Structure formats: C-alpha cells, structure tokens
N, C-alpha and C. Protein backbone atom coordinates (compact mmCIF):
# COMPACT_ATOMS: atom_id res chain seq x y z
N PHE A 1 60.53 -65.19 -160.65
CA PHE A 1 60.13 -66.41 -160.00
C PHE A 1 60.07 -67.52 -161.03
N LYS A 2 60.84 -68.55 -160.82
CA LYS A 2 60.89 -69.63 -161.80
C LYS A 2 59.91 -70.75 -161.50
N ASN A 3 59.45 -70.85 -160.27
CA ASN A 3 58.48 -71.89 -159.94
C ASN A 3 57.62 -71.41 -158.78
N LYS A 4 56.70 -72.26 -158.36
CA LYS A 4 55.77 -71.90 -157.29
C LYS A 4 56.22 -72.40 -155.93
N ARG A 5 57.49 -72.63 -155.76
CA ARG A 5 57.97 -73.12 -154.48
C ARG A 5 58.01 -72.00 -153.45
N PHE A 6 58.05 -72.38 -152.20
CA PHE A 6 58.09 -71.42 -151.10
C PHE A 6 59.49 -70.81 -151.02
N ASN A 7 59.56 -69.48 -150.97
CA ASN A 7 60.82 -68.75 -150.86
C ASN A 7 60.93 -68.20 -149.44
N LYS A 8 61.94 -68.64 -148.71
CA LYS A 8 62.14 -68.25 -147.32
C LYS A 8 62.74 -66.84 -147.26
N ILE A 9 62.29 -66.08 -146.25
CA ILE A 9 62.84 -64.75 -146.00
C ILE A 9 63.60 -64.80 -144.68
N GLU A 10 64.82 -64.27 -144.68
CA GLU A 10 65.62 -64.19 -143.47
C GLU A 10 66.07 -62.75 -143.30
N VAL A 11 65.82 -62.18 -142.11
CA VAL A 11 66.18 -60.79 -141.84
C VAL A 11 67.16 -60.77 -140.68
N LYS A 12 68.29 -60.08 -140.86
CA LYS A 12 69.28 -59.93 -139.80
C LYS A 12 69.50 -58.44 -139.54
N VAL A 13 69.63 -58.10 -138.25
CA VAL A 13 69.94 -56.71 -137.87
C VAL A 13 71.17 -56.72 -136.97
N ASN A 14 71.92 -55.63 -136.99
CA ASN A 14 73.14 -55.54 -136.20
C ASN A 14 72.89 -55.07 -134.77
N SER A 15 71.81 -54.33 -134.57
CA SER A 15 71.54 -53.77 -133.25
C SER A 15 70.70 -54.74 -132.42
N PRO A 16 71.15 -55.09 -131.20
CA PRO A 16 70.38 -56.02 -130.36
C PRO A 16 69.10 -55.38 -129.81
N ASP A 17 68.97 -54.03 -129.90
CA ASP A 17 67.80 -53.33 -129.38
C ASP A 17 66.59 -53.46 -130.30
N LEU A 18 66.81 -53.86 -131.52
CA LEU A 18 65.72 -53.91 -132.49
C LEU A 18 65.07 -55.28 -132.53
N ARG A 19 63.76 -55.27 -132.70
CA ARG A 19 63.01 -56.50 -132.86
C ARG A 19 62.37 -56.46 -134.25
N VAL A 20 62.56 -57.48 -135.02
CA VAL A 20 62.06 -57.51 -136.39
C VAL A 20 60.90 -58.49 -136.48
N VAL A 21 59.81 -58.04 -137.09
CA VAL A 21 58.66 -58.90 -137.34
C VAL A 21 58.48 -58.96 -138.85
N HIS A 22 58.42 -60.18 -139.39
CA HIS A 22 58.28 -60.33 -140.84
C HIS A 22 57.64 -61.67 -141.15
N ARG A 23 57.24 -61.83 -142.37
CA ARG A 23 56.68 -63.11 -142.81
C ARG A 23 57.81 -64.10 -142.96
N ALA A 24 57.46 -65.37 -142.86
CA ALA A 24 58.46 -66.42 -143.00
C ALA A 24 58.92 -66.55 -144.45
N GLY A 25 58.06 -66.15 -145.39
CA GLY A 25 58.43 -66.27 -146.80
C GLY A 25 57.24 -65.99 -147.70
N TYR A 26 57.37 -66.39 -148.95
CA TYR A 26 56.32 -66.14 -149.94
C TYR A 26 56.40 -67.19 -151.03
N VAL A 27 55.31 -67.30 -151.77
CA VAL A 27 55.27 -68.19 -152.92
C VAL A 27 55.34 -67.31 -154.15
N GLY A 28 56.32 -67.55 -155.01
CA GLY A 28 56.53 -66.71 -156.18
C GLY A 28 55.63 -67.08 -157.34
N VAL A 29 55.06 -66.07 -157.97
CA VAL A 29 54.22 -66.26 -159.15
C VAL A 29 54.61 -65.19 -160.17
N GLN A 30 54.78 -65.59 -161.41
CA GLN A 30 55.12 -64.63 -162.46
C GLN A 30 53.91 -63.79 -162.81
N ASP A 31 54.16 -62.53 -163.26
CA ASP A 31 53.07 -61.63 -163.61
C ASP A 31 52.16 -62.21 -164.67
N ALA A 32 52.71 -62.94 -165.63
CA ALA A 32 51.90 -63.52 -166.70
C ALA A 32 50.85 -64.47 -166.15
N GLU A 33 51.15 -65.14 -165.03
CA GLU A 33 50.20 -66.07 -164.43
C GLU A 33 49.05 -65.35 -163.74
N LEU A 34 49.28 -64.09 -163.36
CA LEU A 34 48.25 -63.33 -162.65
C LEU A 34 47.24 -62.69 -163.58
N THR A 35 47.50 -62.73 -164.87
CA THR A 35 46.59 -62.11 -165.82
C THR A 35 45.26 -62.84 -165.82
N ASN A 36 44.23 -62.10 -165.52
CA ASN A 36 42.88 -62.66 -165.47
C ASN A 36 42.13 -62.20 -166.72
N PRO A 37 41.70 -63.10 -167.59
CA PRO A 37 41.06 -62.69 -168.84
C PRO A 37 39.79 -61.88 -168.63
N LYS A 38 39.10 -62.04 -167.48
CA LYS A 38 37.90 -61.24 -167.24
C LYS A 38 38.22 -59.76 -167.06
N ARG A 39 39.45 -59.45 -166.67
CA ARG A 39 39.82 -58.06 -166.46
C ARG A 39 40.16 -57.36 -167.77
N LYS A 40 40.38 -58.12 -168.81
CA LYS A 40 40.71 -57.55 -170.10
C LYS A 40 39.41 -57.28 -170.85
N SER A 41 39.32 -56.14 -171.46
CA SER A 41 38.15 -55.85 -172.28
C SER A 41 38.52 -54.74 -173.23
N ALA A 42 37.59 -54.45 -174.11
CA ALA A 42 37.82 -53.34 -175.04
C ALA A 42 37.89 -52.03 -174.27
N ASP A 43 37.38 -52.00 -173.05
CA ASP A 43 37.35 -50.79 -172.25
C ASP A 43 38.21 -50.98 -171.01
N SER A 44 39.51 -51.16 -171.20
CA SER A 44 40.39 -51.49 -170.09
C SER A 44 40.62 -50.33 -169.12
N GLU A 45 40.35 -49.09 -169.51
CA GLU A 45 40.52 -47.95 -168.58
C GLU A 45 39.70 -48.14 -167.31
N LEU A 46 38.46 -48.57 -167.47
CA LEU A 46 37.59 -48.77 -166.32
C LEU A 46 38.07 -49.93 -165.47
N TYR A 47 38.52 -51.01 -166.09
CA TYR A 47 39.03 -52.15 -165.33
C TYR A 47 40.34 -51.82 -164.64
N GLU A 48 41.16 -50.97 -165.25
CA GLU A 48 42.39 -50.52 -164.58
C GLU A 48 42.04 -49.69 -163.35
N ALA A 49 41.01 -48.85 -163.45
CA ALA A 49 40.58 -48.05 -162.29
C ALA A 49 40.08 -48.95 -161.17
N ILE A 50 39.42 -50.05 -161.52
CA ILE A 50 38.91 -50.97 -160.51
C ILE A 50 40.04 -51.71 -159.81
N THR A 51 41.07 -52.10 -160.55
CA THR A 51 42.14 -52.89 -159.96
C THR A 51 43.20 -52.05 -159.27
N ALA A 52 43.13 -50.74 -159.41
CA ALA A 52 44.11 -49.86 -158.75
C ALA A 52 43.97 -49.98 -157.23
N PRO A 53 45.09 -49.93 -156.48
CA PRO A 53 45.01 -50.08 -155.03
C PRO A 53 44.30 -48.92 -154.33
N LEU A 54 44.29 -47.75 -154.95
CA LEU A 54 43.62 -46.58 -154.38
C LEU A 54 42.54 -46.11 -155.34
N PRO A 55 41.50 -45.43 -154.83
CA PRO A 55 40.46 -44.93 -155.73
C PRO A 55 41.04 -44.02 -156.80
N LYS A 56 40.47 -44.11 -157.99
CA LYS A 56 40.92 -43.31 -159.13
C LYS A 56 40.55 -41.85 -158.90
N ALA A 57 41.53 -40.97 -158.99
CA ALA A 57 41.27 -39.54 -158.87
C ALA A 57 40.61 -39.07 -160.16
N GLY A 58 39.76 -38.10 -160.06
CA GLY A 58 39.05 -37.60 -161.23
C GLY A 58 37.61 -37.37 -160.84
N LEU A 59 36.72 -38.18 -161.34
CA LEU A 59 35.31 -38.09 -161.02
C LEU A 59 35.11 -38.59 -159.58
N ALA A 60 34.54 -37.75 -158.73
CA ALA A 60 34.36 -38.12 -157.32
C ALA A 60 33.19 -39.09 -157.18
N VAL A 61 33.51 -40.32 -156.77
CA VAL A 61 32.51 -41.37 -156.58
C VAL A 61 32.64 -41.88 -155.15
N SER A 62 31.54 -41.88 -154.40
CA SER A 62 31.55 -42.47 -153.06
C SER A 62 30.49 -43.57 -153.06
N MET A 63 30.74 -44.62 -152.25
CA MET A 63 29.86 -45.79 -152.31
C MET A 63 29.62 -46.37 -150.93
N ILE A 64 28.44 -46.96 -150.78
CA ILE A 64 28.15 -47.81 -149.63
C ILE A 64 27.58 -49.10 -150.20
N ALA A 65 28.10 -50.22 -149.72
CA ALA A 65 27.65 -51.53 -150.19
C ALA A 65 27.37 -52.40 -148.98
N HIS A 66 26.32 -53.21 -149.05
CA HIS A 66 25.98 -54.08 -147.93
C HIS A 66 25.33 -55.36 -148.42
N TYR A 67 25.30 -56.34 -147.54
CA TYR A 67 24.74 -57.64 -147.83
C TYR A 67 23.21 -57.59 -147.79
N GLY A 68 22.61 -58.33 -148.70
CA GLY A 68 21.16 -58.48 -148.69
C GLY A 68 20.79 -59.90 -149.11
N ARG A 69 19.57 -60.29 -148.76
CA ARG A 69 19.09 -61.63 -149.12
C ARG A 69 17.59 -61.54 -149.33
N SER A 70 17.13 -62.18 -150.39
CA SER A 70 15.69 -62.29 -150.61
C SER A 70 15.38 -63.71 -151.07
N ALA A 71 14.14 -64.11 -150.89
CA ALA A 71 13.73 -65.46 -151.29
C ALA A 71 13.89 -65.66 -152.80
N GLN A 72 13.62 -64.62 -153.58
CA GLN A 72 13.70 -64.72 -155.04
C GLN A 72 15.14 -64.63 -155.55
N ALA A 73 15.92 -63.68 -155.04
CA ALA A 73 17.26 -63.42 -155.59
C ALA A 73 18.37 -64.16 -154.85
N GLY A 74 18.13 -64.63 -153.63
CA GLY A 74 19.20 -65.24 -152.84
C GLY A 74 20.10 -64.17 -152.25
N ASP A 75 21.39 -64.48 -152.08
CA ASP A 75 22.35 -63.53 -151.52
C ASP A 75 22.78 -62.53 -152.60
N PHE A 76 22.96 -61.28 -152.19
CA PHE A 76 23.42 -60.26 -153.12
C PHE A 76 24.12 -59.14 -152.38
N VAL A 77 24.88 -58.35 -153.12
CA VAL A 77 25.47 -57.13 -152.60
C VAL A 77 24.67 -55.98 -153.19
N ARG A 78 24.13 -55.14 -152.33
CA ARG A 78 23.43 -53.94 -152.79
C ARG A 78 24.39 -52.76 -152.64
N ALA A 79 24.65 -52.12 -153.74
CA ALA A 79 25.58 -50.98 -153.74
C ALA A 79 24.85 -49.72 -154.19
N MET A 80 25.07 -48.66 -153.43
CA MET A 80 24.56 -47.35 -153.82
C MET A 80 25.76 -46.42 -153.85
N PHE A 81 25.92 -45.73 -154.96
CA PHE A 81 27.01 -44.78 -155.00
C PHE A 81 26.56 -43.43 -155.52
N HIS A 82 27.29 -42.44 -155.06
CA HIS A 82 26.99 -41.04 -155.36
C HIS A 82 28.08 -40.50 -156.28
N ILE A 83 27.65 -39.83 -157.34
CA ILE A 83 28.58 -39.22 -158.29
C ILE A 83 28.44 -37.72 -158.15
N ASN A 84 29.57 -37.03 -157.98
CA ASN A 84 29.57 -35.58 -157.83
C ASN A 84 29.03 -34.95 -159.12
N GLY A 85 27.88 -34.30 -159.03
CA GLY A 85 27.22 -33.73 -160.20
C GLY A 85 27.94 -32.56 -160.81
N SER A 86 28.70 -31.82 -160.01
CA SER A 86 29.41 -30.66 -160.56
C SER A 86 30.55 -31.08 -161.48
N GLN A 87 30.94 -32.35 -161.43
CA GLN A 87 32.00 -32.84 -162.30
C GLN A 87 31.47 -33.48 -163.58
N LEU A 88 30.15 -33.68 -163.66
CA LEU A 88 29.55 -34.25 -164.87
C LEU A 88 29.45 -33.17 -165.95
N LEU A 89 29.72 -33.56 -167.17
CA LEU A 89 29.63 -32.64 -168.30
C LEU A 89 28.40 -33.04 -169.11
N PHE A 90 27.43 -32.13 -169.19
CA PHE A 90 26.21 -32.38 -169.94
C PHE A 90 26.34 -31.78 -171.33
N SER A 91 25.89 -32.52 -172.33
CA SER A 91 25.78 -31.95 -173.67
C SER A 91 24.33 -31.50 -173.85
N THR A 92 24.12 -30.57 -174.79
CA THR A 92 22.77 -30.06 -175.02
C THR A 92 22.21 -30.67 -176.30
N GLU A 93 21.05 -31.29 -176.17
CA GLU A 93 20.35 -31.91 -177.30
C GLU A 93 19.64 -30.82 -178.12
N PRO A 94 19.27 -31.11 -179.38
CA PRO A 94 18.56 -30.13 -180.20
C PRO A 94 17.24 -29.64 -179.59
N ASN A 95 16.58 -30.49 -178.79
CA ASN A 95 15.32 -30.09 -178.16
C ASN A 95 15.53 -29.34 -176.84
N GLY A 96 16.79 -29.04 -176.48
CA GLY A 96 17.09 -28.30 -175.26
C GLY A 96 17.37 -29.16 -174.04
N GLN A 97 17.15 -30.48 -174.14
CA GLN A 97 17.44 -31.35 -173.01
C GLN A 97 18.95 -31.49 -172.80
N LYS A 98 19.32 -31.77 -171.57
CA LYS A 98 20.71 -32.02 -171.21
C LYS A 98 20.95 -33.52 -171.21
N LYS A 99 22.11 -33.94 -171.72
CA LYS A 99 22.39 -35.36 -171.87
C LYS A 99 23.75 -35.69 -171.25
N ALA A 100 23.78 -36.80 -170.50
CA ALA A 100 25.03 -37.34 -169.96
C ALA A 100 25.05 -38.84 -170.28
N VAL A 101 26.23 -39.35 -170.61
CA VAL A 101 26.39 -40.78 -170.88
C VAL A 101 27.43 -41.30 -169.89
N LEU A 102 27.03 -42.30 -169.08
CA LEU A 102 27.91 -42.86 -168.06
C LEU A 102 28.16 -44.33 -168.33
N ASP A 103 29.43 -44.73 -168.28
CA ASP A 103 29.80 -46.14 -168.32
C ASP A 103 30.05 -46.57 -166.89
N VAL A 104 29.45 -47.68 -166.48
CA VAL A 104 29.59 -48.19 -165.12
C VAL A 104 30.10 -49.62 -165.19
N VAL A 105 31.19 -49.91 -164.48
CA VAL A 105 31.71 -51.27 -164.36
C VAL A 105 31.81 -51.58 -162.88
N ALA A 106 31.32 -52.75 -162.48
CA ALA A 106 31.42 -53.18 -161.09
C ALA A 106 31.86 -54.63 -161.06
N VAL A 107 32.70 -54.96 -160.08
CA VAL A 107 33.16 -56.33 -159.91
C VAL A 107 33.07 -56.71 -158.43
N THR A 108 32.84 -57.98 -158.20
CA THR A 108 32.92 -58.55 -156.87
C THR A 108 34.14 -59.44 -156.85
N VAL A 109 35.10 -59.16 -155.95
CA VAL A 109 36.37 -59.87 -155.89
C VAL A 109 36.42 -60.65 -154.59
N ASP A 110 36.81 -61.94 -154.67
CA ASP A 110 36.86 -62.77 -153.46
C ASP A 110 38.19 -62.60 -152.74
N GLU A 111 38.38 -63.40 -151.66
CA GLU A 111 39.58 -63.29 -150.83
C GLU A 111 40.86 -63.64 -151.57
N LYS A 112 40.74 -64.41 -152.65
CA LYS A 112 41.92 -64.79 -153.44
C LYS A 112 42.19 -63.81 -154.57
N ASN A 113 41.45 -62.69 -154.59
CA ASN A 113 41.56 -61.64 -155.59
C ASN A 113 41.10 -62.11 -156.97
N ASP A 114 40.20 -63.09 -156.99
CA ASP A 114 39.60 -63.55 -158.24
C ASP A 114 38.25 -62.87 -158.41
N ILE A 115 37.92 -62.53 -159.64
CA ILE A 115 36.64 -61.89 -159.92
C ILE A 115 35.55 -62.96 -159.89
N VAL A 116 34.57 -62.76 -159.00
CA VAL A 116 33.46 -63.69 -158.84
C VAL A 116 32.33 -63.30 -159.78
N ASP A 117 32.05 -62.02 -159.88
CA ASP A 117 30.98 -61.53 -160.73
C ASP A 117 31.33 -60.13 -161.18
N ASP A 118 30.89 -59.77 -162.38
CA ASP A 118 31.10 -58.41 -162.85
C ASP A 118 29.99 -58.01 -163.79
N PHE A 119 29.81 -56.71 -163.95
CA PHE A 119 28.88 -56.22 -164.95
C PHE A 119 29.38 -54.91 -165.50
N LYS A 120 28.95 -54.62 -166.71
CA LYS A 120 29.28 -53.36 -167.37
C LYS A 120 28.00 -52.85 -168.01
N ARG A 121 27.71 -51.59 -167.74
CA ARG A 121 26.51 -50.97 -168.31
C ARG A 121 26.83 -49.57 -168.78
N THR A 122 26.15 -49.15 -169.83
CA THR A 122 26.23 -47.77 -170.31
C THR A 122 24.84 -47.17 -170.17
N HIS A 123 24.78 -46.01 -169.52
CA HIS A 123 23.51 -45.34 -169.29
C HIS A 123 23.52 -43.99 -170.00
N THR A 124 22.51 -43.75 -170.82
CA THR A 124 22.31 -42.45 -171.45
C THR A 124 21.19 -41.76 -170.68
N LEU A 125 21.53 -40.64 -170.07
CA LEU A 125 20.58 -39.91 -169.22
C LEU A 125 20.22 -38.59 -169.89
N LYS A 126 18.93 -38.32 -169.99
CA LYS A 126 18.46 -37.06 -170.57
C LYS A 126 17.54 -36.37 -169.57
N PHE A 127 17.78 -35.08 -169.35
CA PHE A 127 17.03 -34.31 -168.37
C PHE A 127 16.67 -32.95 -168.95
N ASP A 128 15.64 -32.35 -168.34
CA ASP A 128 15.39 -30.95 -168.68
C ASP A 128 16.43 -30.10 -167.96
N ALA A 129 16.54 -28.85 -168.32
CA ALA A 129 17.60 -27.98 -167.79
C ALA A 129 17.52 -27.84 -166.27
N ALA A 130 16.30 -27.75 -165.71
CA ALA A 130 16.14 -27.59 -164.26
C ALA A 130 16.64 -28.83 -163.51
N THR A 131 16.34 -30.01 -164.03
CA THR A 131 16.80 -31.25 -163.39
C THR A 131 18.31 -31.36 -163.49
N ALA A 132 18.88 -30.98 -164.63
CA ALA A 132 20.33 -31.01 -164.80
C ALA A 132 21.01 -30.08 -163.80
N GLU A 133 20.42 -28.91 -163.55
CA GLU A 133 20.99 -27.99 -162.55
C GLU A 133 20.95 -28.61 -161.16
N ARG A 134 19.86 -29.30 -160.83
CA ARG A 134 19.75 -29.95 -159.52
C ARG A 134 20.78 -31.07 -159.39
N ILE A 135 21.04 -31.82 -160.47
CA ILE A 135 22.06 -32.87 -160.44
C ILE A 135 23.44 -32.26 -160.26
N VAL A 136 23.70 -31.15 -160.91
CA VAL A 136 25.00 -30.48 -160.74
C VAL A 136 25.17 -30.06 -159.29
N ARG A 137 24.10 -29.58 -158.67
CA ARG A 137 24.16 -29.12 -157.28
C ARG A 137 24.23 -30.29 -156.29
N ASP A 138 23.37 -31.32 -156.46
CA ASP A 138 23.22 -32.37 -155.46
C ASP A 138 23.92 -33.68 -155.80
N GLY A 139 24.25 -33.88 -157.05
CA GLY A 139 24.89 -35.12 -157.47
C GLY A 139 23.88 -36.12 -157.99
N LEU A 140 24.38 -37.28 -158.34
CA LEU A 140 23.56 -38.34 -158.92
C LEU A 140 23.77 -39.61 -158.11
N VAL A 141 22.70 -40.31 -157.75
CA VAL A 141 22.79 -41.54 -156.98
C VAL A 141 22.43 -42.71 -157.89
N TYR A 142 23.24 -43.76 -157.82
CA TYR A 142 23.07 -44.96 -158.64
C TYR A 142 23.00 -46.15 -157.69
N SER A 143 22.11 -47.09 -157.95
CA SER A 143 21.98 -48.26 -157.11
C SER A 143 21.92 -49.51 -157.96
N THR A 144 22.54 -50.59 -157.48
CA THR A 144 22.48 -51.86 -158.19
C THR A 144 22.62 -53.02 -157.21
N ASP A 145 22.07 -54.16 -157.57
CA ASP A 145 22.22 -55.39 -156.81
C ASP A 145 23.04 -56.36 -157.64
N VAL A 146 24.07 -56.96 -157.02
CA VAL A 146 24.93 -57.92 -157.70
C VAL A 146 24.83 -59.24 -156.95
N PRO A 147 24.40 -60.33 -157.61
CA PRO A 147 24.25 -61.61 -156.93
C PRO A 147 25.59 -62.17 -156.47
N VAL A 148 25.57 -62.86 -155.32
CA VAL A 148 26.76 -63.53 -154.78
C VAL A 148 26.35 -64.96 -154.49
N LYS A 149 27.12 -65.92 -154.98
CA LYS A 149 26.73 -67.32 -154.91
C LYS A 149 27.12 -68.03 -153.62
N LYS A 150 28.21 -67.58 -152.95
CA LYS A 150 28.60 -68.26 -151.72
C LYS A 150 29.10 -67.26 -150.69
N SER A 151 29.13 -67.70 -149.43
CA SER A 151 29.51 -66.82 -148.33
C SER A 151 31.01 -66.53 -148.35
N GLY A 152 31.40 -65.46 -147.63
CA GLY A 152 32.80 -65.08 -147.53
C GLY A 152 32.95 -63.57 -147.52
N ASN A 153 34.20 -63.11 -147.48
CA ASN A 153 34.48 -61.68 -147.55
C ASN A 153 34.75 -61.31 -149.00
N TYR A 154 34.08 -60.28 -149.46
CA TYR A 154 34.22 -59.82 -150.84
C TYR A 154 34.57 -58.34 -150.86
N ASN A 155 35.32 -57.97 -151.88
CA ASN A 155 35.62 -56.57 -152.12
C ASN A 155 34.78 -56.17 -153.32
N PHE A 156 33.85 -55.26 -153.10
CA PHE A 156 32.99 -54.79 -154.19
C PHE A 156 33.61 -53.51 -154.71
N ARG A 157 33.93 -53.47 -156.01
CA ARG A 157 34.60 -52.33 -156.61
C ARG A 157 33.79 -51.81 -157.79
N VAL A 158 33.78 -50.49 -157.95
CA VAL A 158 33.03 -49.87 -159.03
C VAL A 158 33.87 -48.77 -159.66
N ALA A 159 33.72 -48.60 -160.97
CA ALA A 159 34.35 -47.49 -161.69
C ALA A 159 33.30 -46.88 -162.61
N VAL A 160 33.32 -45.54 -162.70
CA VAL A 160 32.36 -44.80 -163.51
C VAL A 160 33.13 -43.85 -164.41
N ARG A 161 32.70 -43.78 -165.68
CA ARG A 161 33.31 -42.81 -166.60
C ARG A 161 32.22 -41.94 -167.20
N ASP A 162 32.44 -40.63 -167.18
CA ASP A 162 31.58 -39.67 -167.86
C ASP A 162 32.08 -39.61 -169.30
N ASN A 163 31.28 -40.06 -170.25
CA ASN A 163 31.73 -40.10 -171.64
C ASN A 163 31.96 -38.73 -172.26
N ASN A 164 31.28 -37.70 -171.74
CA ASN A 164 31.48 -36.37 -172.31
C ASN A 164 32.82 -35.76 -171.89
N SER A 165 33.17 -35.89 -170.61
CA SER A 165 34.43 -35.30 -170.12
C SER A 165 35.57 -36.31 -170.10
N LYS A 166 35.25 -37.60 -170.23
CA LYS A 166 36.22 -38.71 -170.17
C LYS A 166 36.85 -38.87 -168.78
N GLN A 167 36.26 -38.23 -167.76
CA GLN A 167 36.76 -38.41 -166.39
C GLN A 167 36.29 -39.75 -165.84
N ILE A 168 37.17 -40.37 -165.04
CA ILE A 168 36.87 -41.66 -164.44
C ILE A 168 37.01 -41.52 -162.92
N GLY A 169 36.14 -42.19 -162.19
CA GLY A 169 36.23 -42.26 -160.75
C GLY A 169 35.95 -43.68 -160.30
N SER A 170 36.45 -44.04 -159.12
CA SER A 170 36.23 -45.40 -158.62
C SER A 170 36.05 -45.38 -157.11
N ALA A 171 35.49 -46.47 -156.60
CA ALA A 171 35.29 -46.65 -155.17
C ALA A 171 35.28 -48.15 -154.88
N ALA A 172 35.55 -48.51 -153.62
CA ALA A 172 35.56 -49.92 -153.23
C ALA A 172 35.14 -50.05 -151.78
N GLN A 173 34.58 -51.22 -151.44
CA GLN A 173 34.20 -51.51 -150.07
C GLN A 173 34.19 -53.01 -149.87
N VAL A 174 34.61 -53.44 -148.68
CA VAL A 174 34.58 -54.86 -148.33
C VAL A 174 33.20 -55.18 -147.76
N VAL A 175 32.63 -56.29 -148.22
CA VAL A 175 31.32 -56.74 -147.77
C VAL A 175 31.45 -58.19 -147.31
N ASP A 176 30.91 -58.49 -146.12
CA ASP A 176 30.94 -59.85 -145.58
C ASP A 176 29.61 -60.52 -145.88
N ILE A 177 29.66 -61.65 -146.60
CA ILE A 177 28.46 -62.43 -146.89
C ILE A 177 28.44 -63.58 -145.90
N PRO A 178 27.51 -63.57 -144.92
CA PRO A 178 27.50 -64.61 -143.89
C PRO A 178 26.99 -65.95 -144.43
N ASP A 179 27.43 -67.01 -143.79
CA ASP A 179 26.94 -68.36 -144.11
C ASP A 179 25.78 -68.63 -143.17
N LEU A 180 24.58 -68.40 -143.63
CA LEU A 180 23.39 -68.50 -142.78
C LEU A 180 23.04 -69.95 -142.44
N LYS A 181 23.60 -70.91 -143.16
CA LYS A 181 23.35 -72.33 -142.86
C LYS A 181 24.13 -72.78 -141.63
N ARG A 182 25.24 -72.14 -141.35
CA ARG A 182 26.13 -72.56 -140.25
C ARG A 182 25.84 -71.88 -138.93
N SER A 183 25.37 -70.64 -138.98
CA SER A 183 25.33 -69.83 -137.77
C SER A 183 23.92 -69.49 -137.34
N GLY A 184 23.87 -68.73 -136.28
CA GLY A 184 22.60 -68.34 -135.69
C GLY A 184 22.02 -67.09 -136.33
N ILE A 185 21.93 -66.04 -135.55
CA ILE A 185 21.22 -64.84 -135.94
C ILE A 185 22.19 -63.81 -136.53
N PHE A 186 21.78 -63.17 -137.62
CA PHE A 186 22.54 -62.08 -138.21
C PHE A 186 21.63 -60.88 -138.31
N LEU A 187 22.11 -59.72 -137.89
CA LEU A 187 21.35 -58.48 -137.98
C LEU A 187 22.00 -57.54 -138.95
C-alpha cells in the first residue's frame, strides 16, 4: 500500500446463480504504520500472546470481565481469571514452601484496536505444601480492576506466564462500557 487512499474491490462471477456479498473496498495501511510502541517491551512474548487472534495454547487461562463503576474509581473493567493449577510448576524453597512466579499482562483495546490502558505485574507466590496441592487440584483465581476513561466497546485481553515452566496462556473478552450520561437505566 503506497498511500491511504480508498482501494475499490470488484468481484465478478461467471455463474448467474451465484450472489456475491463483499465490501466495497478498503483503506491500505503499511505494516510499519500499525506498529504500536506500547505493544513493544522487553517481554514481547506476553504482548504477542495478547495480540494473537486466538487464545495462546499452553497454560489454560479462562476469564470473565465485566463493567463496574464506583464513586471513588469511576468506570472500570473488573476481570477475574482462573489459571489451571495442574499446569503450574512449583519450585521448592529451602524452608519447604512451594513457590510460583507469574507474570501477568493485561490490556484494554478500543474499537480502533488501540491500547487504551495496560498493566504488567510479576507475582511471587509462596505456599505451604498442602496449599500448593489444593492449587494444583482447584486452580488459582486472579482478580484485577482496570480503569476505563470513556464509554464504548472494549476488548479486555490478558496473558499469563509461569516463570518456572515458561508456559504462557491468554484469554480475551469484549466488555461494553455504557455512557451513563446519555441513557436511562443500566442493570
């Protein structure tokens, strides 16, 4: 694509029995223009998992995200996700405790596929052996609130990496942030 002009699409078929439905055209943009500096980091594996069109295979991560609002925080997306505990690799500390280190990256993406907000956190978790066994059996639940400044449809995406096994998993969900100034009642 040499410029941002509209490129028309024309489709012809030989059979009169066929009906073709297609877009009228597209606006061309070079890949270099799509590079978003917020997606680049020293830890690009997690950001690649977030931008992938399908969830990253590996660490099983499932998520539910929904809209919330409070007088103190304003609008936010509350996300809770579950990590399959049987896939976590625990190391053993000298005192006998089990240790897991998780890297978590989450982004909120708007309708134009621009990153509105993101965060990255590393969590070092230490448990006694009995708690570690329960996590392996039942999994681990993580919850976070991410502020959203304006209304619209957002895609909330998360990627998690187990530092011991180097497995990565991801999940995504669309969340609608209503414009409460314009409309009536929202439940």
